[in-house]
């Protein structure tokens, strides 16, 4: 179960790191500055969610799923717009979201031990 959690966190961090530089350089996409800053903010939230996931906090898993879903939506929009790197973003977002969902399901089905 730790392996699944750490792998989900790694994919979430990878996507977050790809989001971070948008505020300073949008790669020539010509995004509005507000949108570029929001994408970078999503990167910061992604790193925070991954840390929460690794630490096993109660909010870490839902946060990682939420960040993953937002990244998936953004990746689909980028793919439709023909942005370079959209397929990579879509793939990493899908992997991170799927692993976070899988971890949430495993965590929910785990029976707590009572003493």
C-alpha atoms as a PDB file:
ATOM      1  CA  UNK A   1       0.000   0.000   0.000  1.00  0.00           C
ATOM      2  CA  UNK A   2       2.913   2.345   0.684  1.00  0.00           C
ATOM      3  CA  UNK A   3       4.223   1.699  -2.811  1.00  0.00           C
ATOM      4  CA  UNK A   4       0.909   2.738  -4.337  1.00  0.00           C
ATOM      5  CA  UNK A   5       0.768   5.877  -2.189  1.00  0.00           C
ATOM      6  CA  UNK A   6       4.366   6.869  -2.985  1.00  0.00           C
ATOM      7  CA  UNK A   7       3.900   6.211  -6.702  1.00  0.00           C
ATOM      8  CA  UNK A   8       0.750   8.354  -6.743  1.00  0.00           C
ATOM      9  CA  UNK A   9       2.651  11.100  -4.935  1.00  0.00           C
ATOM     10  CA  UNK A  10       5.550  10.865  -7.393  1.00  0.00           C
ATOM     11  CA  UNK A  11       3.231  11.251 -10.387  1.00  0.00           C
ATOM     12  CA  UNK A  12       1.472  14.168  -8.668  1.00  0.00           C
ATOM     13  CA  UNK A  13       4.797  15.886  -7.976  1.00  0.00           C
ATOM     14  CA  UNK A  14       5.948  15.318 -11.561  1.00  0.00           C
ATOM     15  CA  UNK A  15       2.824  17.014 -12.908  1.00  0.00           C
ATOM     16  CA  UNK A  16       3.186  19.809 -10.357  1.00  0.00           C
ATOM     17  CA  UNK A  17       6.762  20.423 -11.442  1.00  0.00           C
ATOM     18  CA  UNK A  18       5.610  20.673 -15.051  1.00  0.00           C
ATOM     19  CA  UNK A  19       3.033  23.303 -13.973  1.00  0.00           C
ATOM     20  CA  UNK A  20       5.319  25.480 -11.845  1.00  0.00           C
ATOM     21  CA  UNK A  21       7.192  27.494 -14.503  1.00  0.00           C
ATOM     22  CA  UNK A  22       4.085  28.680 -16.390  1.00  0.00           C
ATOM     23  CA  UNK A  23       3.940  32.002 -14.502  1.00  0.00           C
ATOM     24  CA  UNK A  24       7.415  32.908 -15.741  1.00  0.00           C
ATOM     25  CA  UNK A  25       7.445  31.184 -19.133  1.00  0.00           C
ATOM     26  CA  UNK A  26       4.382  29.736 -20.830  1.00  0.00           C
ATOM     27  CA  UNK A  27       6.447  28.173 -23.589  1.00  0.00           C
ATOM     28  CA  UNK A  28       5.248  30.612 -26.222  1.00  0.00           C
ATOM     29  CA  UNK A  29       1.585  29.691 -25.817  1.00  0.00           C
ATOM     30  CA  UNK A  30       0.555  33.290 -25.242  1.00  0.00           C
ATOM     31  CA  UNK A  31      -1.580  32.476 -22.221  1.00  0.00           C
ATOM     32  CA  UNK A  32      -3.110  35.360 -20.273  1.00  0.00           C
ATOM     33  CA  UNK A  33      -0.935  36.134 -17.233  1.00  0.00           C
ATOM     34  CA  UNK A  34      -3.776  35.319 -14.841  1.00  0.00           C
ATOM     35  CA  UNK A  35      -4.137  31.837 -16.332  1.00  0.00           C
ATOM     36  CA  UNK A  36      -0.370  31.295 -16.316  1.00  0.00           C
ATOM     37  CA  UNK A  37      -0.236  32.212 -12.612  1.00  0.00           C
ATOM     38  CA  UNK A  38      -3.190  29.931 -11.847  1.00  0.00           C
ATOM     39  CA  UNK A  39      -1.379  27.036 -13.537  1.00  0.00           C
ATOM     40  CA  UNK A  40       1.705  27.736 -11.405  1.00  0.00           C
ATOM     41  CA  UNK A  41      -0.517  27.898  -8.329  1.00  0.00           C
ATOM     42  CA  UNK A  42      -1.894  24.488  -9.314  1.00  0.00           C
ATOM     43  CA  UNK A  43       1.709  23.276  -9.306  1.00  0.00           C
ATOM     44  CA  UNK A  44       2.192  24.511  -5.746  1.00  0.00           C
ATOM     45  CA  UNK A  45      -1.079  22.875  -4.704  1.00  0.00           C
ATOM     46  CA  UNK A  46       0.059  19.657  -6.382  1.00  0.00           C
ATOM     47  CA  UNK A  47       3.280  19.574  -4.401  1.00  0.00           C
ATOM     48  CA  UNK A  48       1.310  20.257  -1.215  1.00  0.00           C
ATOM     49  CA  UNK A  49      -1.147  17.462  -2.056  1.00  0.00           C
ATOM     50  CA  UNK A  50       1.698  15.024  -2.742  1.00  0.00           C
ATOM     51  CA  UNK A  51       3.345  15.859   0.586  1.00  0.00           C
ATOM     52  CA  UNK A  52       0.002  15.306   2.319  1.00  0.00           C
ATOM     53  CA  UNK A  53      -0.397  12.007   0.491  1.00  0.00           C
ATOM     54  CA  UNK A  54       3.043  10.774   1.527  1.00  0.00           C
ATOM     55  CA  UNK A  55       2.505  11.936   5.109  1.00  0.00           C
ATOM     56  CA  UNK A  56      -0.769  10.021   5.247  1.00  0.00           C
ATOM     57  CA  UNK A  57      -2.890  13.017   6.223  1.00  0.00           C
ATOM     58  CA  UNK A  58      -6.667  12.837   5.945  1.00  0.00           C
ATOM     59  CA  UNK A  59      -6.706  15.571   3.286  1.00  0.00           C
ATOM     60  CA  UNK A  60      -3.779  14.282   1.203  1.00  0.00           C
ATOM     61  CA  UNK A  61      -5.653  11.720  -0.885  1.00  0.00           C
ATOM     62  CA  UNK A  62      -8.649  13.925  -1.762  1.00  0.00           C
ATOM     63  CA  UNK A  63      -6.298  16.809  -2.550  1.00  0.00           C
ATOM     64  CA  UNK A  64      -4.185  14.639  -4.873  1.00  0.00           C
ATOM     65  CA  UNK A  65      -7.329  13.442  -6.651  1.00  0.00           C
ATOM     66  CA  UNK A  66      -8.649  17.001  -6.998  1.00  0.00           C
ATOM     67  CA  UNK A  67      -5.349  18.304  -8.360  1.00  0.00           C
ATOM     68  CA  UNK A  68      -5.194  15.353 -10.739  1.00  0.00           C
ATOM     69  CA  UNK A  69      -8.692  15.975 -12.066  1.00  0.00           C
ATOM     70  CA  UNK A  70      -7.962  19.673 -12.637  1.00  0.00           C
ATOM     71  CA  UNK A  71      -4.739  18.726 -14.428  1.00  0.00           C
ATOM     72  CA  UNK A  72      -6.654  16.214 -16.558  1.00  0.00           C
ATOM     73  CA  UNK A  73      -9.166  18.863 -17.588  1.00  0.00           C
ATOM     74  CA  UNK A  74      -6.345  21.265 -18.427  1.00  0.00           C
ATOM     75  CA  UNK A  75      -4.514  18.600 -20.405  1.00  0.00           C
ATOM     76  CA  UNK A  76      -7.619  17.794 -22.454  1.00  0.00           C
ATOM     77  CA  UNK A  77      -8.091  21.510 -23.190  1.00  0.00           C
ATOM     78  CA  UNK A  78      -4.416  21.788 -24.174  1.00  0.00           C
ATOM     79  CA  UNK A  79      -4.746  18.717 -26.392  1.00  0.00           C
ATOM     80  CA  UNK A  80      -7.787  20.161 -28.173  1.00  0.00           C
ATOM     81  CA  UNK A  81      -5.937  23.477 -28.592  1.00  0.00           C
ATOM     82  CA  UNK A  82      -2.973  21.635 -30.105  1.00  0.00           C
ATOM     83  CA  UNK A  83      -0.469  22.696 -27.436  1.00  0.00           C
ATOM     84  CA  UNK A  84       2.931  21.082 -27.495  1.00  0.00           C
ATOM     85  CA  UNK A  85       3.391  18.646 -24.608  1.00  0.00           C
ATOM     86  CA  UNK A  86      -0.324  18.140 -24.055  1.00  0.00           C
ATOM     87  CA  UNK A  87      -0.055  14.371 -24.525  1.00  0.00           C
ATOM     88  CA  UNK A  88       2.662  14.168 -21.887  1.00  0.00           C
ATOM     89  CA  UNK A  89       0.568  16.250 -19.488  1.00  0.00           C
ATOM     90  CA  UNK A  90      -2.477  14.107 -20.196  1.00  0.00           C
ATOM     91  CA  UNK A  91      -0.547  10.898 -19.591  1.00  0.00           C
ATOM     92  CA  UNK A  92       1.092  12.026 -16.347  1.00  0.00           C
ATOM     93  CA  UNK A  93      -2.171  13.527 -15.075  1.00  0.00           C
ATOM     94  CA  UNK A  94      -4.093  10.347 -15.878  1.00  0.00           C
ATOM     95  CA  UNK A  95      -1.507   8.171 -14.149  1.00  0.00           C
ATOM     96  CA  UNK A  96      -1.392  10.372 -11.050  1.00  0.00           C
ATOM     97  CA  UNK A  97      -5.170  10.597 -10.807  1.00  0.00           C
ATOM     98  CA  UNK A  98      -5.673   6.868 -11.378  1.00  0.00           C
ATOM     99  CA  UNK A  99      -3.070   5.951  -8.766  1.00  0.00           C
ATOM    100  CA  UNK A 100      -4.598   8.387  -6.265  1.00  0.00           C
ATOM    101  CA  UNK A 101      -8.052   6.902  -6.890  1.00  0.00           C
ATOM    102  CA  UNK A 102      -6.632   3.385  -6.507  1.00  0.00           C
ATOM    103  CA  UNK A 103      -4.978   4.336  -3.230  1.00  0.00           C
ATOM    104  CA  UNK A 104      -8.227   5.882  -1.978  1.00  0.00           C
ATOM    105  CA  UNK A 105     -10.109   2.658  -2.774  1.00  0.00           C
ATOM    106  CA  UNK A 106      -7.521   0.445  -1.098  1.00  0.00           C
ATOM    107  CA  UNK A 107      -7.469   2.745   1.922  1.00  0.00           C
ATOM    108  CA  UNK A 108     -11.287   2.689   2.152  1.00  0.00           C
ATOM    109  CA  UNK A 109     -11.498  -1.110   2.001  1.00  0.00           C
ATOM    110  CA  UNK A 110      -8.814  -1.621   4.611  1.00  0.00           C
ATOM    111  CA  UNK A 111     -10.367  -2.832   7.847  1.00  0.00           C
ATOM    112  CA  UNK A 112      -9.132  -0.904  10.891  1.00  0.00           C
ATOM    113  CA  UNK A 113      -7.689  -3.096  13.600  1.00  0.00           C
ATOM    114  CA  UNK A 114      -9.329  -2.807  16.997  1.00  0.00           C
ATOM    115  CA  UNK A 115      -7.701  -3.898  20.197  1.00  0.00           C
END
